[in-house]
N, C-alpha and C. Protein backbone atom coordinates (compact mmCIF):
# COMPACT_ATOMS: atom_id res chain seq x y z
N UNK A 1 -3.58 23.67 -49.95
CA UNK A 1 -3.94 22.66 -48.96
C UNK A 1 -4.68 21.79 -49.92
N UNK A 2 -4.61 20.52 -49.91
CA UNK A 2 -5.67 19.35 -50.90
C UNK A 2 -6.41 18.91 -50.04
N UNK A 3 -7.48 18.46 -50.39
CA UNK A 3 -8.59 17.86 -49.69
C UNK A 3 -8.42 16.36 -50.05
N UNK A 4 -8.56 15.54 -48.74
CA UNK A 4 -8.39 13.93 -49.71
C UNK A 4 -8.87 13.97 -50.07
N UNK A 5 -8.87 12.35 -50.93
CA UNK A 5 -9.26 12.20 -51.88
C UNK A 5 -10.53 11.27 -51.16
N UNK A 6 -11.71 10.91 -52.05
CA UNK A 6 -12.91 10.50 -51.32
C UNK A 6 -13.06 8.97 -51.28
N UNK A 7 -13.58 8.27 -50.51
CA UNK A 7 -13.38 6.99 -49.95
C UNK A 7 -14.47 6.25 -50.79
N UNK A 8 -14.18 5.27 -51.41
CA UNK A 8 -15.37 4.27 -51.85
C UNK A 8 -15.98 3.36 -50.72
N UNK A 9 -17.30 3.65 -50.84
CA UNK A 9 -18.22 3.06 -49.48
C UNK A 9 -19.54 2.33 -50.01
N UNK A 10 -19.55 0.83 -49.72
CA UNK A 10 -20.49 0.29 -50.16
C UNK A 10 -21.66 -0.05 -49.00
N UNK A 11 -22.87 0.73 -50.02
CA UNK A 11 -24.21 0.18 -48.61
C UNK A 11 -25.07 -0.69 -49.36
N UNK A 12 -25.42 -1.40 -47.93
CA UNK A 12 -26.68 -2.14 -48.36
C UNK A 12 -27.95 -1.32 -48.15
N UNK A 13 -28.72 -1.71 -48.94
CA UNK A 13 -30.55 -1.29 -48.66
C UNK A 13 -31.20 -2.02 -48.91
N UNK A 14 -32.22 -1.76 -48.08
CA UNK A 14 -33.41 -3.02 -47.88
C UNK A 14 -34.79 -2.46 -47.20
N UNK A 15 -35.92 -2.81 -48.00
CA UNK A 15 -37.11 -2.38 -47.05
C UNK A 15 -37.78 -3.49 -47.69
N UNK A 16 -38.99 -3.98 -46.75
CA UNK A 16 -40.46 -4.73 -46.91
C UNK A 16 -41.56 -4.18 -46.74
N UNK A 17 -41.33 -2.70 -46.77
CA UNK A 17 -42.99 -2.13 -46.68
C UNK A 17 -42.71 -1.26 -47.84
N UNK A 18 -43.38 -1.11 -49.02
CA UNK A 18 -43.81 -0.72 -50.19
C UNK A 18 -42.26 -0.29 -50.73
N UNK A 19 -41.38 -1.32 -50.72
CA UNK A 19 -39.84 -1.53 -51.07
C UNK A 19 -39.47 -0.43 -52.07
N UNK A 20 -39.85 -0.95 -53.52
CA UNK A 20 -39.92 -0.10 -54.75
C UNK A 20 -39.92 1.20 -54.64
N UNK A 21 -40.96 1.74 -53.66
CA UNK A 21 -41.11 3.31 -53.28
C UNK A 21 -40.06 3.63 -52.61
N UNK A 22 -39.38 2.84 -51.40
CA UNK A 22 -38.69 3.63 -50.54
C UNK A 22 -37.24 3.37 -51.19
N UNK A 23 -37.24 2.11 -51.75
CA UNK A 23 -35.51 2.28 -52.33
C UNK A 23 -35.03 3.12 -53.41
N UNK A 24 -35.99 3.57 -54.10
CA UNK A 24 -36.09 4.57 -55.13
C UNK A 24 -36.16 5.78 -54.78
N UNK A 25 -36.60 6.42 -53.65
CA UNK A 25 -36.41 7.35 -52.90
C UNK A 25 -34.92 7.87 -52.20
N UNK A 26 -34.71 6.40 -51.67
CA UNK A 26 -33.16 6.16 -51.26
C UNK A 26 -32.24 6.50 -52.01
N UNK A 27 -32.70 5.83 -53.07
CA UNK A 27 -31.30 5.99 -54.53
C UNK A 27 -31.72 7.68 -54.65
N UNK A 28 -32.71 8.35 -55.03
CA UNK A 28 -32.68 9.74 -55.23
C UNK A 28 -31.82 10.54 -54.48
N UNK A 29 -32.11 10.10 -53.52
CA UNK A 29 -31.43 10.90 -51.88
C UNK A 29 -30.08 10.74 -52.28
N UNK A 30 -29.53 9.83 -51.99
CA UNK A 30 -28.12 9.26 -52.25
C UNK A 30 -27.23 9.83 -53.49
N UNK A 31 -27.94 9.66 -54.74
CA UNK A 31 -27.62 10.72 -55.96
C UNK A 31 -27.48 11.79 -56.07
N UNK A 32 -28.48 12.48 -55.45
CA UNK A 32 -28.50 13.93 -55.05
C UNK A 32 -27.65 14.37 -54.08
N UNK A 33 -26.98 13.77 -52.83
CA UNK A 33 -26.03 14.11 -52.07
C UNK A 33 -24.53 13.48 -52.64
N UNK A 34 -24.44 12.63 -53.20
CA UNK A 34 -23.29 11.83 -53.54
C UNK A 34 -23.01 11.94 -55.22
N UNK A 35 -23.68 12.14 -55.56
CA UNK A 35 -23.23 12.44 -57.21
C UNK A 35 -23.74 10.44 -57.84
N UNK A 36 -22.83 10.21 -59.26
CA UNK A 36 -23.26 9.28 -59.80
C UNK A 36 -23.24 8.08 -58.79
N UNK A 37 -23.78 6.95 -58.81
CA UNK A 37 -24.02 5.61 -57.98
C UNK A 37 -23.67 4.69 -58.90
N UNK A 38 -23.13 3.39 -57.91
CA UNK A 38 -23.38 2.33 -58.97
C UNK A 38 -24.30 1.09 -58.25
N UNK A 39 -25.15 0.95 -58.52
CA UNK A 39 -25.92 -0.08 -57.88
C UNK A 39 -26.32 -0.85 -58.56
N UNK A 40 -26.37 -2.62 -57.92
CA UNK A 40 -26.87 -3.30 -57.98
C UNK A 40 -28.24 -3.69 -58.51
N UNK A 41 -28.46 -5.02 -59.16
CA UNK A 41 -30.37 -5.38 -59.02
C UNK A 41 -30.58 -5.81 -57.81
N UNK A 42 -31.80 -5.69 -57.28
CA UNK A 42 -32.70 -6.22 -56.57
C UNK A 42 -32.92 -7.10 -56.32
N UNK A 43 -32.89 -7.48 -54.98
CA UNK A 43 -33.11 -9.24 -54.92
C UNK A 43 -34.28 -9.28 -53.72
N UNK A 44 -35.07 -10.01 -54.23
CA UNK A 44 -36.06 -10.53 -53.13
C UNK A 44 -35.73 -11.63 -51.99
N UNK A 45 -35.64 -11.54 -50.98
CA UNK A 45 -35.37 -12.15 -50.16
C UNK A 45 -36.76 -12.07 -48.83
N UNK A 46 -36.58 -13.43 -48.08
CA UNK A 46 -37.98 -13.95 -47.21
C UNK A 46 -36.93 -13.02 -45.90
N UNK A 47 -38.27 -12.32 -44.94
CA UNK A 47 -37.70 -11.46 -43.92
C UNK A 47 -37.36 -12.62 -42.76
N UNK A 48 -36.05 -12.40 -42.05
CA UNK A 48 -35.79 -13.66 -41.61
C UNK A 48 -35.23 -12.91 -39.99
N UNK A 49 -35.90 -13.72 -39.02
CA UNK A 49 -35.84 -13.45 -37.70
C UNK A 49 -36.97 -13.58 -37.14
N UNK A 50 -38.03 -13.24 -38.57
CA UNK A 50 -39.84 -12.62 -37.99
C UNK A 50 -40.54 -12.85 -38.58
N UNK A 51 -41.66 -13.05 -38.93
CA UNK A 51 -42.61 -12.89 -39.77
C UNK A 51 -43.20 -11.68 -40.04
N UNK A 52 -42.73 -11.54 -41.76
CA UNK A 52 -43.05 -10.43 -42.17
C UNK A 52 -42.99 -10.40 -44.15
N UNK A 53 -43.63 -9.79 -44.89
CA UNK A 53 -43.37 -9.52 -46.05
C UNK A 53 -41.73 -9.68 -46.59
N UNK A 54 -41.63 -10.09 -47.40
CA UNK A 54 -40.12 -10.10 -48.45
C UNK A 54 -39.85 -8.91 -48.39
N UNK A 55 -38.22 -9.08 -48.34
CA UNK A 55 -37.77 -7.95 -48.59
C UNK A 55 -36.93 -7.62 -49.84
N UNK A 56 -36.92 -6.51 -50.45
CA UNK A 56 -36.13 -6.05 -51.84
C UNK A 56 -35.05 -5.81 -51.15
N UNK A 57 -33.38 -5.83 -51.37
CA UNK A 57 -32.10 -5.52 -51.16
C UNK A 57 -31.63 -5.30 -51.85
N UNK A 58 -30.68 -4.71 -52.15
CA UNK A 58 -29.80 -4.19 -53.56
C UNK A 58 -28.60 -3.56 -52.64
N UNK A 59 -26.94 -3.39 -53.35
CA UNK A 59 -26.21 -2.53 -52.81
C UNK A 59 -26.03 -1.47 -53.66
N UNK A 60 -24.82 -0.50 -53.02
CA UNK A 60 -24.84 0.67 -53.82
C UNK A 60 -23.47 0.98 -53.47
N UNK A 61 -22.84 1.68 -54.19
CA UNK A 61 -21.07 2.23 -54.05
C UNK A 61 -21.32 3.70 -54.52
N UNK A 62 -20.84 4.13 -53.33
CA UNK A 62 -20.56 5.71 -53.91
C UNK A 62 -18.87 6.03 -53.26
N UNK A 63 -19.20 7.19 -53.60
CA UNK A 63 -17.60 8.20 -53.32
C UNK A 63 -18.04 9.21 -52.53
N UNK A 64 -17.15 9.38 -51.12
CA UNK A 64 -17.83 10.28 -50.18
C UNK A 64 -16.33 10.84 -49.72
N UNK A 65 -16.72 11.90 -49.47
CA UNK A 65 -15.89 12.80 -48.25
C UNK A 65 -16.05 12.73 -46.78
N UNK A 66 -17.04 12.22 -46.66
CA UNK A 66 -17.52 12.13 -45.36
C UNK A 66 -16.96 11.13 -44.26
N UNK A 67 -16.45 11.24 -43.24
CA UNK A 67 -15.93 10.07 -42.40
C UNK A 67 -17.20 8.88 -42.19
N UNK A 68 -16.47 7.97 -41.50
CA UNK A 68 -17.29 6.50 -41.75
C UNK A 68 -18.67 6.79 -40.89
N UNK A 69 -18.31 7.38 -39.52
CA UNK A 69 -18.97 7.66 -38.55
C UNK A 69 -20.11 8.93 -39.27
N UNK A 70 -19.89 10.33 -40.09
CA UNK A 70 -20.48 11.10 -40.53
C UNK A 70 -21.82 10.33 -41.62
N UNK A 71 -21.12 9.27 -42.36
CA UNK A 71 -22.26 8.70 -43.32
C UNK A 71 -23.04 7.97 -42.71
N UNK A 72 -22.62 6.92 -41.94
CA UNK A 72 -23.19 6.62 -40.90
C UNK A 72 -24.96 7.28 -40.54
N UNK A 73 -24.32 8.32 -40.02
CA UNK A 73 -25.44 9.03 -39.40
C UNK A 73 -26.16 9.75 -40.49
N UNK A 74 -25.82 10.04 -41.43
CA UNK A 74 -26.41 10.40 -42.41
C UNK A 74 -27.62 9.20 -43.10
N UNK A 75 -26.67 8.32 -42.94
CA UNK A 75 -27.84 6.98 -43.34
C UNK A 75 -28.99 7.14 -42.68
N UNK A 76 -28.43 7.02 -41.17
CA UNK A 76 -29.79 7.22 -40.25
C UNK A 76 -30.35 8.19 -40.35
N UNK A 77 -30.24 9.29 -40.70
CA UNK A 77 -31.45 10.35 -40.87
C UNK A 77 -31.72 10.08 -42.32
N UNK A 78 -31.50 9.75 -43.52
CA UNK A 78 -32.44 9.35 -44.26
C UNK A 78 -33.27 8.39 -43.92
N UNK A 79 -32.90 6.85 -43.33
CA UNK A 79 -33.60 6.41 -42.70
C UNK A 79 -34.77 7.07 -42.32
N UNK A 80 -34.68 7.90 -41.17
CA UNK A 80 -35.71 8.80 -40.69
C UNK A 80 -36.83 9.44 -41.35
N UNK A 81 -36.11 10.39 -42.53
CA UNK A 81 -36.95 10.88 -43.54
C UNK A 81 -37.81 10.03 -44.18
N UNK A 82 -37.52 8.67 -44.19
CA UNK A 82 -37.85 8.02 -45.08
C UNK A 82 -39.11 7.49 -44.27
N UNK A 83 -39.06 7.51 -43.18
CA UNK A 83 -40.56 6.70 -42.06
C UNK A 83 -39.97 5.52 -41.45
N UNK A 84 -38.80 5.52 -40.93
CA UNK A 84 -38.20 4.15 -40.65
C UNK A 84 -38.36 4.63 -38.75
N UNK A 85 -38.90 3.71 -38.30
CA UNK A 85 -39.02 4.06 -36.45
C UNK A 85 -37.96 3.22 -35.75
N UNK A 86 -36.98 3.98 -35.54
CA UNK A 86 -35.90 3.60 -35.07
C UNK A 86 -36.32 2.54 -33.60
N UNK A 87 -37.22 3.18 -32.99
CA UNK A 87 -37.87 2.43 -31.66
C UNK A 87 -38.09 0.92 -31.86
N UNK A 88 -38.72 0.66 -33.08
CA UNK A 88 -39.40 -0.55 -33.62
C UNK A 88 -38.18 -1.52 -32.68
N UNK A 89 -38.68 -2.75 -33.01
CA UNK A 89 -37.52 -3.87 -33.02
C UNK A 89 -36.46 -4.02 -33.81
N UNK A 90 -35.56 -4.30 -34.07
CA UNK A 90 -34.54 -4.29 -35.23
C UNK A 90 -35.02 -5.35 -36.16
N UNK A 91 -35.42 -6.68 -35.49
CA UNK A 91 -36.00 -7.37 -36.74
C UNK A 91 -37.45 -7.75 -36.39
N UNK A 92 -37.88 -6.32 -37.53
CA UNK A 92 -39.42 -6.07 -38.08
C UNK A 92 -39.61 -5.70 -39.52
N UNK A 93 -40.78 -5.21 -39.70
CA UNK A 93 -40.74 -4.67 -41.17
C UNK A 93 -40.17 -3.29 -40.84
N UNK A 94 -39.73 -2.29 -42.34
CA UNK A 94 -39.16 -1.45 -42.45
C UNK A 94 -39.26 -0.91 -43.31
N UNK A 95 -39.59 0.50 -43.49
CA UNK A 95 -39.83 1.33 -44.94
C UNK A 95 -38.32 1.29 -45.71
N UNK A 96 -37.47 1.49 -44.81
CA UNK A 96 -35.68 1.73 -45.30
C UNK A 96 -34.71 0.97 -44.24
N UNK A 97 -33.97 -0.39 -44.75
CA UNK A 97 -32.58 -0.22 -43.77
C UNK A 97 -31.35 0.39 -44.65
N UNK A 98 -30.74 1.16 -44.60
CA UNK A 98 -29.87 1.50 -45.07
C UNK A 98 -28.34 1.67 -44.18
N UNK A 99 -27.76 0.26 -44.58
CA UNK A 99 -26.24 -0.22 -43.78
C UNK A 99 -25.13 0.47 -44.59
N UNK A 100 -24.30 1.01 -44.01
CA UNK A 100 -22.87 0.80 -43.99
C UNK A 100 -22.07 -0.36 -44.02
N UNK A 101 -21.64 -0.91 -45.00
CA UNK A 101 -21.19 -2.50 -45.11
C UNK A 101 -19.34 -2.21 -44.99
N UNK A 102 -18.91 -1.50 -46.11
CA UNK A 102 -17.48 -1.14 -46.04
C UNK A 102 -17.04 -0.19 -46.57
N UNK A 103 -16.19 0.73 -46.10
CA UNK A 103 -15.91 1.67 -45.90
C UNK A 103 -14.34 2.10 -46.42
N UNK A 104 -14.09 2.00 -47.53
CA UNK A 104 -12.57 1.78 -47.94
C UNK A 104 -11.90 0.46 -47.50
N UNK A 105 -10.92 0.64 -47.15
CA UNK A 105 -10.33 -0.82 -46.33
C UNK A 105 -10.03 -0.56 -44.68
N UNK A 106 -11.11 0.25 -44.65
CA UNK A 106 -10.87 0.16 -43.15
C UNK A 106 -11.38 -0.70 -42.18
N UNK A 107 -11.20 -0.94 -40.95
CA UNK A 107 -11.76 -1.98 -39.85
C UNK A 107 -12.02 -0.84 -38.78
N UNK A 108 -13.13 -0.79 -38.61
CA UNK A 108 -13.31 -0.31 -37.18
C UNK A 108 -14.67 -0.87 -36.14
N UNK A 109 -14.48 -0.61 -35.00
CA UNK A 109 -15.64 -1.01 -34.28
C UNK A 109 -15.38 -0.17 -33.11
N UNK A 110 -16.25 1.29 -33.33
CA UNK A 110 -16.10 1.90 -32.35
C UNK A 110 -16.95 2.08 -30.94
N UNK A 111 -17.47 1.17 -30.80
CA UNK A 111 -17.99 0.70 -29.64
C UNK A 111 -19.25 1.29 -29.43
N UNK A 112 -19.85 2.22 -30.38
CA UNK A 112 -21.04 2.59 -30.21
C UNK A 112 -21.94 2.50 -31.61
N UNK A 113 -21.80 1.12 -31.96
CA UNK A 113 -22.85 1.05 -33.37
C UNK A 113 -22.01 0.61 -34.23
N UNK A 114 -21.11 0.97 -35.04
CA UNK A 114 -20.32 1.35 -36.11
C UNK A 114 -19.30 0.30 -35.99
N UNK A 115 -19.41 -0.57 -36.57
CA UNK A 115 -18.45 -2.18 -36.87
C UNK A 115 -18.27 -2.11 -38.52
N UNK A 116 -16.87 -1.93 -38.97
CA UNK A 116 -16.60 -2.12 -40.38
C UNK A 116 -15.52 -3.19 -40.71
N UNK A 117 -15.56 -4.08 -41.35
CA UNK A 117 -16.98 -4.29 -42.65
C UNK A 117 -18.15 -4.42 -41.51
N UNK A 118 -19.28 -4.60 -42.06
CA UNK A 118 -20.31 -4.67 -41.10
C UNK A 118 -20.52 -6.39 -41.11
N UNK A 119 -21.31 -6.43 -39.71
CA UNK A 119 -21.18 -8.28 -39.55
C UNK A 119 -22.06 -8.89 -40.27
N UNK A 120 -22.89 -8.29 -40.95
CA UNK A 120 -23.99 -9.63 -41.89
C UNK A 120 -23.57 -9.11 -43.71
N UNK A 121 -21.89 -8.99 -43.46
CA UNK A 121 -21.25 -8.89 -44.87
C UNK A 121 -21.61 -10.49 -45.36
N UNK A 122 -21.44 -11.41 -44.11
CA UNK A 122 -21.69 -12.88 -44.94
C UNK A 122 -23.16 -13.18 -44.92
N UNK A 123 -24.12 -12.10 -45.18
CA UNK A 123 -25.49 -12.38 -45.50
C UNK A 123 -25.69 -12.74 -47.38
N UNK A 124 -26.24 -13.61 -47.21
CA UNK A 124 -26.35 -13.59 -49.21
C UNK A 124 -27.12 -12.33 -49.57
N UNK A 125 -28.21 -12.08 -48.69
CA UNK A 125 -28.82 -10.87 -49.12
C UNK A 125 -27.65 -9.30 -48.97
N UNK A 126 -26.90 -9.95 -48.53
CA UNK A 126 -25.74 -8.53 -48.35
C UNK A 126 -24.79 -8.83 -49.32
N UNK A 127 -24.48 -9.56 -49.28
CA UNK A 127 -22.62 -9.98 -50.54
C UNK A 127 -23.19 -10.33 -51.77
N UNK A 128 -24.24 -10.85 -52.15
CA UNK A 128 -24.74 -11.30 -53.48
C UNK A 128 -24.56 -10.00 -54.13
N UNK A 129 -25.53 -8.71 -53.90
CA UNK A 129 -25.77 -7.41 -54.65
C UNK A 129 -24.09 -7.04 -54.45
N UNK A 130 -23.52 -7.19 -53.33
CA UNK A 130 -22.18 -6.22 -53.68
C UNK A 130 -20.91 -7.04 -54.33
N UNK A 131 -21.28 -8.46 -54.62
CA UNK A 131 -20.44 -8.97 -55.63
C UNK A 131 -20.51 -8.27 -56.96
N UNK A 132 -21.87 -8.18 -57.27
CA UNK A 132 -22.81 -7.68 -58.60
C UNK A 132 -21.88 -6.65 -59.11
N UNK A 133 -21.45 -5.73 -58.05
CA UNK A 133 -21.06 -4.04 -58.47
C UNK A 133 -19.46 -4.14 -58.07
N UNK A 134 -19.35 -5.16 -57.42
CA UNK A 134 -18.07 -4.57 -56.77
C UNK A 134 -17.08 -6.14 -56.52
N UNK A 135 -17.10 -7.41 -57.34
CA UNK A 135 -16.59 -8.33 -57.01
C UNK A 135 -15.16 -8.53 -56.49
N UNK A 136 -14.31 -7.40 -57.08
CA UNK A 136 -12.74 -7.35 -56.63
C UNK A 136 -12.80 -6.44 -55.27
N UNK A 137 -13.51 -6.29 -54.90
CA UNK A 137 -13.29 -5.10 -53.29
C UNK A 137 -13.27 -6.34 -52.39
N UNK A 138 -12.33 -6.24 -51.42
CA UNK A 138 -11.57 -7.04 -50.55
C UNK A 138 -12.37 -6.51 -49.01
N UNK A 139 -12.78 -7.62 -48.32
CA UNK A 139 -13.06 -7.59 -47.14
C UNK A 139 -11.98 -7.53 -46.06
N UNK A 140 -11.60 -6.34 -45.69
CA UNK A 140 -10.47 -6.02 -45.26
C UNK A 140 -9.75 -6.68 -43.98
N UNK A 141 -10.89 -7.48 -43.33
CA UNK A 141 -10.20 -8.67 -42.43
C UNK A 141 -9.90 -9.58 -42.79
N UNK A 142 -10.07 -10.35 -43.95
CA UNK A 142 -10.10 -11.76 -43.96
C UNK A 142 -8.61 -11.19 -45.54
N UNK A 143 -8.85 -10.06 -46.31
CA UNK A 143 -8.21 -9.95 -47.48
C UNK A 143 -8.57 -10.29 -48.41
N UNK A 144 -9.84 -11.15 -48.39
CA UNK A 144 -10.29 -11.99 -49.61
C UNK A 144 -11.29 -11.01 -50.22
N UNK A 145 -11.59 -11.14 -51.82
CA UNK A 145 -12.28 -10.84 -52.26
C UNK A 145 -13.77 -10.88 -52.48
N UNK A 146 -14.88 -9.96 -52.80
CA UNK A 146 -16.32 -10.04 -52.27
C UNK A 146 -16.49 -11.10 -53.27
N UNK A 147 -15.75 -11.73 -54.36
CA UNK A 147 -15.99 -12.68 -55.17
C UNK A 147 -15.89 -14.25 -54.61
N UNK A 148 -14.69 -14.21 -54.30
CA UNK A 148 -14.20 -15.53 -53.17
C UNK A 148 -15.24 -15.85 -51.89
N UNK A 149 -15.57 -14.48 -51.06
CA UNK A 149 -16.52 -14.77 -50.63
C UNK A 149 -17.97 -15.62 -51.09
N UNK A 150 -18.28 -15.04 -51.94
CA UNK A 150 -19.08 -15.38 -52.92
C UNK A 150 -19.16 -16.61 -53.34
N UNK A 151 -17.96 -17.38 -53.80
CA UNK A 151 -17.73 -18.39 -54.50
C UNK A 151 -17.90 -19.63 -53.36
N UNK A 152 -17.68 -19.44 -52.39
CA UNK A 152 -17.76 -20.02 -51.04
C UNK A 152 -18.81 -20.03 -49.97
N UNK A 153 -19.82 -19.30 -50.39
CA UNK A 153 -21.17 -18.96 -49.48
C UNK A 153 -21.96 -20.31 -49.74
N UNK A 154 -22.65 -20.62 -48.39
CA UNK A 154 -23.62 -22.10 -48.34
C UNK A 154 -24.57 -21.90 -49.36
N UNK A 155 -25.17 -20.24 -49.61
CA UNK A 155 -26.09 -20.24 -50.44
C UNK A 155 -26.19 -19.67 -51.62
N UNK A 156 -24.55 -19.52 -52.22
CA UNK A 156 -24.18 -19.40 -53.51
C UNK A 156 -25.28 -19.92 -54.70
N UNK A 157 -25.64 -21.45 -54.25
CA UNK A 157 -26.55 -21.63 -55.65
C UNK A 157 -28.00 -21.98 -55.43
N UNK A 158 -28.46 -21.27 -54.25
CA UNK A 158 -29.87 -21.25 -54.15
C UNK A 158 -30.30 -19.96 -55.15
N UNK A 159 -31.31 -20.06 -55.30
CA UNK A 159 -32.08 -18.98 -56.69
C UNK A 159 -32.74 -17.79 -55.50
N UNK A 160 -31.85 -16.64 -55.78
CA UNK A 160 -31.98 -15.11 -55.28
C UNK A 160 -32.90 -14.20 -56.72
N UNK A 161 -34.09 -14.52 -56.04
CA UNK A 161 -34.47 -13.70 -57.56
C UNK A 161 -34.35 -12.21 -57.68
N UNK A 162 -33.99 -11.94 -58.60
CA UNK A 162 -33.69 -10.20 -58.81
C UNK A 162 -35.20 -9.82 -59.24
N UNK A 163 -35.36 -8.67 -58.78
CA UNK A 163 -36.79 -7.63 -59.20
C UNK A 163 -36.09 -6.09 -59.57
N UNK A 164 -36.97 -5.89 -60.72
CA UNK A 164 -36.73 -4.91 -61.76
C UNK A 164 -37.33 -3.94 -61.10
N UNK A 165 -36.44 -2.94 -60.24
CA UNK A 165 -37.52 -1.54 -59.39
C UNK A 165 -38.38 -0.71 -60.54
N UNK A 166 -39.48 -0.44 -60.41
CA UNK A 166 -40.48 0.07 -61.26
C UNK A 166 -40.45 1.53 -60.73
N UNK A 167 -40.72 2.54 -61.80
CA UNK A 167 -41.00 3.74 -61.71
C UNK A 167 -41.95 4.08 -60.79
């Protein structure tokens, strides 16, 4: 019996507490588990909804045989391993925020917190890094490519400073 082919999943990673350290650690853990990664540039964005340090945000594409739910759980465990306090308010500073944004072409709302595509796909700090690595990927709800969504995004002309992660 043949195993199902891997699914291409797109993740959004962000951190505003020692962001270079935690993003590098997250990328290392992802590569060790899932193999080669496709990684966007990191972008500096202000904290939204609370006063805090700027975030660094980037996108990652992986191929996985995990289900969407299992991948979400793996990402939550990674956040915990890297010091994320899940009891803290959602709108607060984090060592790591690792979100599953797209999982193949699946549309999911399981009633237990997994919604695909993720609701903040339309946020510039999520969409722009995804466009960098997968402009032709499609939002399965609208059928539009990420590049099309970005071309119409109200923040597309605002500067979004790219940052090089240092070792």
